[in-house]
Amino acid sequence: MASKKPSAPSKTAALLPTLNDIPAETRAKSIALLNGVLATLSDLYLQSKQAHWNVRGPSFIALHELFDTVADSAEEDIDDIAERIVQLGGVANGTVRAAAAGSALSEFPTETAGDSPLAFATALAKQFAVAAKQVRAGIDAASGFGDADTADLLTGTSRALDKALWFLEAHNR
């Protein structure tokens, strides 16, 4: 029996009751935006671990440790983003299936395993750049619809993604 691919979480789900005074329409927009970022960061974390587990070659230990460091940096913001969703009266869609359905990232290239170790850093850098671009668009969107706290949260996430991207790119220079 073929398994059914999960559908993306509803962006118009009913809000849970809260005394938060941000208008419901604004909260709903922030929740949808943040669930998209949550999916991407969850995927990014696992893709970083994929590179961490599978890198081989002369620069193995340096890259193995680097990939663990950038995975941890992606993971640090996941909890804050999920909790912000719930604070706004939403449901954080944090399952692996939700991440797969909602991530802005392409699949991590498993064929990289046969390439040089630096190919892992290059592939991972591209994924961090996509995530950072999505987060920066989210900052603009949240600012535009009046959720300064979500924009601020995403600004911190953007800085962390840019730092990890810098670490990854530094290995290819």
N, C-alpha and C. Protein backbone atom coordinates (compact mmCIF):
# COMPACT_ATOMS: atom_id res chain seq x y z
N MET A 1 0.85 -1.17 0.00
CA MET A 1 0.00 0.00 0.00
C MET A 1 0.89 1.24 0.00
N ALA A 2 0.65 2.14 -0.91
CA ALA A 2 1.45 3.37 -1.01
C ALA A 2 1.05 4.32 0.10
N SER A 3 2.06 4.95 0.68
CA SER A 3 1.75 5.92 1.73
C SER A 3 1.38 7.26 1.10
N LYS A 4 0.49 7.92 1.73
CA LYS A 4 0.03 9.22 1.25
C LYS A 4 1.02 10.29 1.71
N LYS A 5 1.43 11.15 0.76
CA LYS A 5 2.31 12.26 1.12
C LYS A 5 1.51 13.27 1.93
N PRO A 6 2.08 13.71 3.06
CA PRO A 6 1.33 14.66 3.89
C PRO A 6 1.17 15.99 3.19
N SER A 7 0.05 16.60 3.43
CA SER A 7 -0.17 17.92 2.86
C SER A 7 0.46 18.97 3.77
N ALA A 8 0.75 20.11 3.21
CA ALA A 8 1.31 21.21 3.99
C ALA A 8 0.28 21.65 5.02
N PRO A 9 0.73 22.06 6.18
CA PRO A 9 -0.20 22.51 7.21
C PRO A 9 -1.02 23.70 6.71
N SER A 10 -2.24 23.77 7.20
CA SER A 10 -3.14 24.85 6.80
C SER A 10 -2.61 26.19 7.29
N LYS A 11 -2.65 27.17 6.41
CA LYS A 11 -2.22 28.51 6.79
C LYS A 11 -3.38 29.32 7.35
N THR A 12 -4.57 28.75 7.33
CA THR A 12 -5.73 29.47 7.82
C THR A 12 -6.36 28.76 9.02
N ALA A 13 -5.57 27.98 9.73
CA ALA A 13 -6.08 27.27 10.90
C ALA A 13 -6.59 28.28 11.92
N ALA A 14 -7.58 27.86 12.69
CA ALA A 14 -8.14 28.73 13.72
C ALA A 14 -7.07 29.04 14.76
N LEU A 15 -7.07 30.27 15.23
CA LEU A 15 -6.13 30.67 16.26
C LEU A 15 -6.62 30.20 17.62
N LEU A 16 -5.67 29.81 18.46
CA LEU A 16 -6.01 29.43 19.82
C LEU A 16 -6.19 30.71 20.64
N PRO A 17 -7.01 30.65 21.67
CA PRO A 17 -7.25 31.86 22.48
C PRO A 17 -5.97 32.36 23.15
N THR A 18 -5.80 33.66 23.17
CA THR A 18 -4.68 34.30 23.85
C THR A 18 -5.07 35.74 24.17
N LEU A 19 -4.44 36.28 25.18
CA LEU A 19 -4.66 37.69 25.52
C LEU A 19 -3.67 38.58 24.78
N ASN A 20 -2.86 38.01 23.93
CA ASN A 20 -1.92 38.79 23.11
C ASN A 20 -2.72 39.79 22.30
N ASP A 21 -2.31 41.07 22.37
CA ASP A 21 -3.11 42.12 21.74
C ASP A 21 -2.77 42.38 20.27
N ILE A 22 -1.90 41.58 19.69
CA ILE A 22 -1.63 41.71 18.25
C ILE A 22 -2.90 41.27 17.52
N PRO A 23 -3.37 42.03 16.54
CA PRO A 23 -4.60 41.66 15.83
C PRO A 23 -4.53 40.23 15.27
N ALA A 24 -5.66 39.56 15.28
CA ALA A 24 -5.73 38.16 14.83
C ALA A 24 -5.19 37.99 13.41
N GLU A 25 -5.52 38.91 12.53
CA GLU A 25 -5.06 38.81 11.14
C GLU A 25 -3.53 38.87 11.07
N THR A 26 -2.94 39.73 11.87
CA THR A 26 -1.48 39.85 11.91
C THR A 26 -0.86 38.59 12.50
N ARG A 27 -1.47 38.08 13.58
CA ARG A 27 -0.96 36.85 14.19
C ARG A 27 -1.03 35.69 13.21
N ALA A 28 -2.11 35.58 12.46
CA ALA A 28 -2.25 34.49 11.48
C ALA A 28 -1.16 34.58 10.41
N LYS A 29 -0.87 35.80 9.94
CA LYS A 29 0.19 35.98 8.94
C LYS A 29 1.55 35.59 9.52
N SER A 30 1.80 35.99 10.75
CA SER A 30 3.07 35.66 11.39
C SER A 30 3.21 34.16 11.60
N ILE A 31 2.14 33.52 12.00
CA ILE A 31 2.16 32.07 12.22
C ILE A 31 2.50 31.34 10.93
N ALA A 32 1.85 31.72 9.85
CA ALA A 32 2.13 31.08 8.55
C ALA A 32 3.58 31.31 8.13
N LEU A 33 4.04 32.54 8.28
CA LEU A 33 5.42 32.88 7.93
C LEU A 33 6.39 32.06 8.78
N LEU A 34 6.17 32.04 10.09
CA LEU A 34 7.07 31.34 11.00
C LEU A 34 7.05 29.84 10.80
N ASN A 35 5.91 29.25 10.46
CA ASN A 35 5.88 27.82 10.19
C ASN A 35 6.70 27.48 8.95
N GLY A 36 6.72 28.38 7.96
CA GLY A 36 7.58 28.17 6.80
C GLY A 36 9.05 28.20 7.17
N VAL A 37 9.43 29.15 8.02
CA VAL A 37 10.82 29.24 8.48
C VAL A 37 11.16 28.04 9.35
N LEU A 38 10.23 27.62 10.20
CA LEU A 38 10.44 26.44 11.05
C LEU A 38 10.72 25.21 10.19
N ALA A 39 9.97 25.04 9.12
CA ALA A 39 10.18 23.91 8.22
C ALA A 39 11.57 23.97 7.59
N THR A 40 11.94 25.15 7.11
CA THR A 40 13.24 25.31 6.45
C THR A 40 14.38 25.08 7.43
N LEU A 41 14.30 25.64 8.62
CA LEU A 41 15.38 25.47 9.59
C LEU A 41 15.49 24.03 10.08
N SER A 42 14.36 23.36 10.22
CA SER A 42 14.40 21.94 10.61
C SER A 42 15.08 21.12 9.52
N ASP A 43 14.74 21.39 8.28
CA ASP A 43 15.37 20.72 7.14
C ASP A 43 16.86 21.06 7.09
N LEU A 44 17.20 22.33 7.30
CA LEU A 44 18.59 22.77 7.28
C LEU A 44 19.41 22.06 8.35
N TYR A 45 18.84 21.93 9.53
CA TYR A 45 19.51 21.21 10.61
C TYR A 45 19.84 19.78 10.17
N LEU A 46 18.85 19.09 9.64
CA LEU A 46 19.06 17.69 9.24
C LEU A 46 20.01 17.57 8.04
N GLN A 47 19.97 18.53 7.13
CA GLN A 47 20.91 18.49 6.01
C GLN A 47 22.34 18.73 6.51
N SER A 48 22.50 19.58 7.50
CA SER A 48 23.82 19.80 8.09
C SER A 48 24.33 18.53 8.76
N LYS A 49 23.43 17.82 9.43
CA LYS A 49 23.82 16.55 10.05
C LYS A 49 24.14 15.50 8.98
N GLN A 50 23.42 15.52 7.87
CA GLN A 50 23.71 14.61 6.75
C GLN A 50 25.15 14.82 6.28
N ALA A 51 25.55 16.07 6.11
CA ALA A 51 26.93 16.37 5.70
C ALA A 51 27.90 15.94 6.81
N HIS A 52 27.57 16.23 8.04
CA HIS A 52 28.41 15.87 9.20
C HIS A 52 28.68 14.37 9.24
N TRP A 53 27.64 13.58 9.03
CA TRP A 53 27.78 12.13 9.13
C TRP A 53 28.55 11.51 7.97
N ASN A 54 28.49 12.14 6.81
CA ASN A 54 28.99 11.49 5.60
C ASN A 54 30.26 12.07 5.00
N VAL A 55 30.77 13.16 5.51
CA VAL A 55 31.98 13.74 4.95
C VAL A 55 33.17 12.79 5.17
N ARG A 56 34.04 12.74 4.19
CA ARG A 56 35.24 11.90 4.25
C ARG A 56 36.40 12.69 3.65
N GLY A 57 37.60 12.24 3.88
CA GLY A 57 38.74 12.82 3.19
C GLY A 57 39.73 13.49 4.11
N PRO A 58 40.73 14.12 3.50
CA PRO A 58 41.84 14.69 4.27
C PRO A 58 41.44 15.80 5.24
N SER A 59 40.40 16.52 4.96
CA SER A 59 39.96 17.58 5.88
C SER A 59 38.75 17.13 6.69
N PHE A 60 38.62 15.82 6.86
CA PHE A 60 37.46 15.25 7.54
C PHE A 60 37.17 15.90 8.88
N ILE A 61 38.12 15.89 9.80
CA ILE A 61 37.80 16.31 11.16
C ILE A 61 37.39 17.78 11.21
N ALA A 62 38.06 18.63 10.45
CA ALA A 62 37.70 20.05 10.44
C ALA A 62 36.28 20.25 9.92
N LEU A 63 35.95 19.57 8.83
CA LEU A 63 34.60 19.71 8.26
C LEU A 63 33.55 19.01 9.11
N HIS A 64 33.88 17.85 9.64
CA HIS A 64 32.97 17.12 10.52
C HIS A 64 32.55 18.02 11.69
N GLU A 65 33.52 18.67 12.31
CA GLU A 65 33.24 19.56 13.43
C GLU A 65 32.51 20.83 12.97
N LEU A 66 32.91 21.37 11.83
CA LEU A 66 32.23 22.56 11.29
C LEU A 66 30.76 22.26 11.03
N PHE A 67 30.46 21.13 10.41
CA PHE A 67 29.07 20.80 10.08
C PHE A 67 28.24 20.60 11.34
N ASP A 68 28.86 20.10 12.40
CA ASP A 68 28.16 19.99 13.68
C ASP A 68 27.88 21.39 14.25
N THR A 69 28.85 22.29 14.11
CA THR A 69 28.68 23.66 14.61
C THR A 69 27.56 24.38 13.87
N VAL A 70 27.52 24.28 12.54
CA VAL A 70 26.47 24.98 11.80
C VAL A 70 25.12 24.32 12.00
N ALA A 71 25.10 23.00 12.21
CA ALA A 71 23.84 22.32 12.53
C ALA A 71 23.29 22.87 13.85
N ASP A 72 24.17 22.98 14.84
CA ASP A 72 23.75 23.51 16.14
C ASP A 72 23.23 24.94 16.02
N SER A 73 23.86 25.74 15.16
CA SER A 73 23.40 27.13 15.01
C SER A 73 22.01 27.18 14.40
N ALA A 74 21.71 26.29 13.48
CA ALA A 74 20.36 26.23 12.90
C ALA A 74 19.36 25.76 13.94
N GLU A 75 19.77 24.78 14.73
CA GLU A 75 18.87 24.21 15.73
C GLU A 75 18.51 25.20 16.83
N GLU A 76 19.44 26.10 17.17
CA GLU A 76 19.20 27.05 18.26
C GLU A 76 17.97 27.92 18.04
N ASP A 77 17.72 28.30 16.80
CA ASP A 77 16.59 29.19 16.52
C ASP A 77 15.27 28.44 16.35
N ILE A 78 15.33 27.14 16.14
CA ILE A 78 14.11 26.36 15.91
C ILE A 78 13.15 26.48 17.09
N ASP A 79 13.66 26.32 18.30
CA ASP A 79 12.80 26.36 19.48
C ASP A 79 12.15 27.73 19.67
N ASP A 80 12.94 28.80 19.50
CA ASP A 80 12.38 30.14 19.65
C ASP A 80 11.29 30.42 18.63
N ILE A 81 11.49 29.96 17.41
CA ILE A 81 10.50 30.18 16.35
C ILE A 81 9.22 29.39 16.64
N ALA A 82 9.39 28.12 17.04
CA ALA A 82 8.22 27.30 17.36
C ALA A 82 7.44 27.91 18.53
N GLU A 83 8.17 28.37 19.55
CA GLU A 83 7.49 28.96 20.70
C GLU A 83 6.79 30.27 20.35
N ARG A 84 7.35 31.04 19.43
CA ARG A 84 6.70 32.28 18.98
C ARG A 84 5.37 31.95 18.28
N ILE A 85 5.37 30.89 17.50
CA ILE A 85 4.14 30.46 16.83
C ILE A 85 3.04 30.19 17.86
N VAL A 86 3.40 29.46 18.90
CA VAL A 86 2.43 29.10 19.94
C VAL A 86 2.01 30.33 20.73
N GLN A 87 2.95 31.24 21.01
CA GLN A 87 2.62 32.48 21.72
C GLN A 87 1.57 33.29 20.98
N LEU A 88 1.58 33.21 19.65
CA LEU A 88 0.65 33.96 18.83
C LEU A 88 -0.70 33.26 18.66
N GLY A 89 -0.85 32.08 19.27
CA GLY A 89 -2.10 31.34 19.18
C GLY A 89 -2.12 30.33 18.07
N GLY A 90 -0.96 29.98 17.56
CA GLY A 90 -0.88 29.00 16.48
C GLY A 90 -0.39 27.66 16.96
N VAL A 91 -0.21 26.76 16.00
CA VAL A 91 0.34 25.44 16.26
C VAL A 91 1.63 25.34 15.49
N ALA A 92 2.71 25.03 16.19
CA ALA A 92 4.01 24.86 15.54
C ALA A 92 4.02 23.50 14.83
N ASN A 93 4.21 23.55 13.53
CA ASN A 93 4.22 22.32 12.72
C ASN A 93 5.67 21.85 12.59
N GLY A 94 6.13 21.11 13.60
CA GLY A 94 7.54 20.76 13.69
C GLY A 94 7.89 19.32 13.40
N THR A 95 7.03 18.59 12.73
CA THR A 95 7.37 17.20 12.42
C THR A 95 8.29 17.14 11.20
N VAL A 96 8.93 16.00 11.03
CA VAL A 96 9.78 15.81 9.85
C VAL A 96 8.94 15.93 8.58
N ARG A 97 7.75 15.38 8.59
CA ARG A 97 6.89 15.46 7.41
C ARG A 97 6.48 16.90 7.10
N ALA A 98 6.21 17.68 8.14
CA ALA A 98 5.87 19.09 7.93
C ALA A 98 7.07 19.84 7.38
N ALA A 99 8.26 19.52 7.88
CA ALA A 99 9.48 20.16 7.38
C ALA A 99 9.69 19.82 5.91
N ALA A 100 9.50 18.55 5.57
CA ALA A 100 9.69 18.14 4.17
C ALA A 100 8.68 18.82 3.25
N ALA A 101 7.46 18.96 3.72
CA ALA A 101 6.42 19.58 2.89
C ALA A 101 6.58 21.09 2.77
N GLY A 102 7.12 21.72 3.81
CA GLY A 102 7.13 23.18 3.84
C GLY A 102 8.47 23.86 3.66
N SER A 103 9.55 23.10 3.55
CA SER A 103 10.88 23.68 3.47
C SER A 103 11.11 24.38 2.14
N ALA A 104 11.86 25.48 2.20
CA ALA A 104 12.26 26.21 0.99
C ALA A 104 13.50 25.59 0.35
N LEU A 105 14.10 24.61 1.01
CA LEU A 105 15.34 24.01 0.53
C LEU A 105 15.09 22.89 -0.47
N SER A 106 16.04 22.72 -1.37
CA SER A 106 16.03 21.54 -2.23
C SER A 106 16.66 20.40 -1.44
N GLU A 107 16.55 19.22 -1.97
CA GLU A 107 17.13 18.05 -1.31
C GLU A 107 18.65 18.17 -1.29
N PHE A 108 19.26 17.79 -0.18
CA PHE A 108 20.72 17.80 -0.09
C PHE A 108 21.27 16.75 -1.03
N PRO A 109 22.25 17.10 -1.84
CA PRO A 109 22.76 16.16 -2.85
C PRO A 109 23.56 15.01 -2.24
N THR A 110 22.95 13.84 -2.17
CA THR A 110 23.63 12.69 -1.57
C THR A 110 24.80 12.22 -2.42
N GLU A 111 24.79 12.55 -3.71
CA GLU A 111 25.92 12.16 -4.56
C GLU A 111 27.19 12.90 -4.19
N THR A 112 27.08 13.91 -3.36
CA THR A 112 28.25 14.65 -2.89
C THR A 112 29.21 13.73 -2.15
N ALA A 113 28.70 12.61 -1.63
CA ALA A 113 29.54 11.70 -0.87
C ALA A 113 30.74 11.21 -1.68
N GLY A 114 30.61 11.14 -2.99
CA GLY A 114 31.72 10.68 -3.82
C GLY A 114 32.65 11.81 -4.24
N ASP A 115 32.31 13.02 -3.93
CA ASP A 115 33.10 14.19 -4.32
C ASP A 115 34.13 14.52 -3.25
N SER A 116 34.84 15.60 -3.45
CA SER A 116 35.80 16.04 -2.46
C SER A 116 35.07 16.49 -1.20
N PRO A 117 35.75 16.47 -0.06
CA PRO A 117 35.09 16.92 1.17
C PRO A 117 34.57 18.35 1.08
N LEU A 118 35.25 19.19 0.33
CA LEU A 118 34.79 20.57 0.22
C LEU A 118 33.49 20.70 -0.55
N ALA A 119 33.14 19.68 -1.34
CA ALA A 119 31.86 19.71 -2.03
C ALA A 119 30.70 19.72 -1.03
N PHE A 120 30.92 19.09 0.12
CA PHE A 120 29.91 19.13 1.17
C PHE A 120 29.72 20.56 1.67
N ALA A 121 30.82 21.27 1.89
CA ALA A 121 30.75 22.64 2.38
C ALA A 121 30.06 23.53 1.36
N THR A 122 30.36 23.33 0.09
CA THR A 122 29.74 24.12 -0.97
C THR A 122 28.24 23.87 -1.03
N ALA A 123 27.86 22.60 -1.00
CA ALA A 123 26.43 22.24 -1.06
C ALA A 123 25.68 22.79 0.16
N LEU A 124 26.29 22.68 1.31
CA LEU A 124 25.65 23.17 2.52
C LEU A 124 25.56 24.70 2.54
N ALA A 125 26.59 25.37 2.04
CA ALA A 125 26.57 26.83 1.96
C ALA A 125 25.39 27.30 1.11
N LYS A 126 25.13 26.61 0.01
CA LYS A 126 24.00 26.98 -0.84
C LYS A 126 22.68 26.87 -0.08
N GLN A 127 22.55 25.86 0.76
CA GLN A 127 21.32 25.68 1.52
C GLN A 127 21.18 26.77 2.59
N PHE A 128 22.28 27.13 3.24
CA PHE A 128 22.24 28.20 4.23
C PHE A 128 21.86 29.53 3.56
N ALA A 129 22.36 29.75 2.36
CA ALA A 129 22.03 31.00 1.64
C ALA A 129 20.54 31.06 1.32
N VAL A 130 19.94 29.94 0.92
CA VAL A 130 18.51 29.91 0.64
C VAL A 130 17.71 30.20 1.92
N ALA A 131 18.10 29.56 3.01
CA ALA A 131 17.40 29.78 4.28
C ALA A 131 17.52 31.24 4.72
N ALA A 132 18.71 31.81 4.59
CA ALA A 132 18.92 33.21 4.98
C ALA A 132 18.06 34.15 4.14
N LYS A 133 17.96 33.86 2.85
CA LYS A 133 17.12 34.69 1.98
C LYS A 133 15.66 34.62 2.40
N GLN A 134 15.17 33.42 2.73
CA GLN A 134 13.80 33.27 3.19
C GLN A 134 13.57 34.04 4.48
N VAL A 135 14.51 33.96 5.39
CA VAL A 135 14.37 34.65 6.68
C VAL A 135 14.37 36.17 6.48
N ARG A 136 15.24 36.68 5.62
CA ARG A 136 15.25 38.13 5.37
C ARG A 136 13.94 38.59 4.73
N ALA A 137 13.38 37.79 3.85
CA ALA A 137 12.06 38.12 3.28
C ALA A 137 11.01 38.12 4.38
N GLY A 138 11.15 37.21 5.34
CA GLY A 138 10.23 37.16 6.47
C GLY A 138 10.33 38.38 7.36
N ILE A 139 11.55 38.90 7.53
CA ILE A 139 11.74 40.13 8.32
C ILE A 139 10.95 41.26 7.67
N ASP A 140 11.11 41.40 6.36
CA ASP A 140 10.40 42.46 5.64
C ASP A 140 8.89 42.28 5.72
N ALA A 141 8.44 41.04 5.57
CA ALA A 141 7.00 40.77 5.62
C ALA A 141 6.44 41.08 6.99
N ALA A 142 7.09 40.58 8.05
CA ALA A 142 6.60 40.80 9.41
C ALA A 142 6.59 42.30 9.74
N SER A 143 7.61 43.01 9.32
CA SER A 143 7.64 44.46 9.53
C SER A 143 6.48 45.12 8.79
N GLY A 144 6.22 44.65 7.58
CA GLY A 144 5.17 45.22 6.75
C GLY A 144 3.78 45.02 7.31
N PHE A 145 3.53 43.89 7.97
CA PHE A 145 2.19 43.71 8.52
C PHE A 145 2.12 43.98 10.01
N GLY A 146 3.17 44.57 10.56
CA GLY A 146 3.08 45.13 11.90
C GLY A 146 3.44 44.22 13.05
N ASP A 147 4.25 43.18 12.83
CA ASP A 147 4.68 42.32 13.94
C ASP A 147 6.17 42.52 14.15
N ALA A 148 6.49 43.56 14.92
CA ALA A 148 7.89 43.93 15.17
C ALA A 148 8.63 42.84 15.94
N ASP A 149 7.95 42.13 16.83
CA ASP A 149 8.63 41.09 17.61
C ASP A 149 9.05 39.91 16.73
N THR A 150 8.19 39.52 15.81
CA THR A 150 8.55 38.45 14.88
C THR A 150 9.69 38.91 13.98
N ALA A 151 9.64 40.15 13.51
CA ALA A 151 10.72 40.68 12.69
C ALA A 151 12.03 40.67 13.47
N ASP A 152 11.98 41.03 14.74
CA ASP A 152 13.17 41.03 15.58
C ASP A 152 13.71 39.61 15.78
N LEU A 153 12.83 38.67 16.04
CA LEU A 153 13.24 37.27 16.20
C LEU A 153 13.95 36.79 14.93
N LEU A 154 13.36 37.10 13.79
CA LEU A 154 13.94 36.67 12.52
C LEU A 154 15.25 37.40 12.22
N THR A 155 15.41 38.61 12.72
CA THR A 155 16.67 39.33 12.53
C THR A 155 17.82 38.59 13.21
N GLY A 156 17.58 38.11 14.41
CA GLY A 156 18.59 37.31 15.10
C GLY A 156 18.89 36.02 14.35
N THR A 157 17.87 35.40 13.81
CA THR A 157 18.04 34.18 13.02
C THR A 157 18.86 34.48 11.78
N SER A 158 18.59 35.59 11.15
CA SER A 158 19.33 36.00 9.95
C SER A 158 20.82 36.15 10.26
N ARG A 159 21.13 36.79 11.37
CA ARG A 159 22.54 36.96 11.75
C ARG A 159 23.22 35.61 11.95
N ALA A 160 22.53 34.68 12.61
CA ALA A 160 23.12 33.35 12.85
C ALA A 160 23.33 32.59 11.54
N LEU A 161 22.37 32.69 10.63
CA LEU A 161 22.52 32.01 9.34
C LEU A 161 23.67 32.60 8.53
N ASP A 162 23.79 33.92 8.56
CA ASP A 162 24.88 34.57 7.84
C ASP A 162 26.24 34.17 8.41
N LYS A 163 26.32 34.04 9.71
CA LYS A 163 27.59 33.63 10.34
C LYS A 163 27.95 32.19 9.93
N ALA A 164 26.96 31.30 9.95
CA ALA A 164 27.21 29.92 9.53
C ALA A 164 27.60 29.87 8.06
N LEU A 165 26.95 30.67 7.24
CA LEU A 165 27.28 30.74 5.81
C LEU A 165 28.73 31.19 5.64
N TRP A 166 29.14 32.18 6.38
CA TRP A 166 30.52 32.66 6.33
C TRP A 166 31.50 31.55 6.70
N PHE A 167 31.21 30.79 7.76
CA PHE A 167 32.07 29.67 8.15
C PHE A 167 32.20 28.67 7.02
N LEU A 168 31.08 28.35 6.38
CA LEU A 168 31.11 27.36 5.30
C LEU A 168 31.87 27.89 4.09
N GLU A 169 31.61 29.13 3.72
CA GLU A 169 32.29 29.70 2.55
C GLU A 169 33.79 29.86 2.79
N ALA A 170 34.20 30.10 4.02
CA ALA A 170 35.62 30.28 4.33
C ALA A 170 36.44 29.03 4.00
N HIS A 171 35.81 27.88 3.99
CA HIS A 171 36.51 26.64 3.65
C HIS A 171 36.75 26.49 2.16
N ASN A 172 36.09 27.28 1.37
CA ASN A 172 36.22 27.15 -0.09
C ASN A 172 36.99 28.30 -0.71
N ARG A 173 37.69 29.06 0.07
CA ARG A 173 38.45 30.20 -0.46
C ARG A 173 39.92 29.88 -0.55
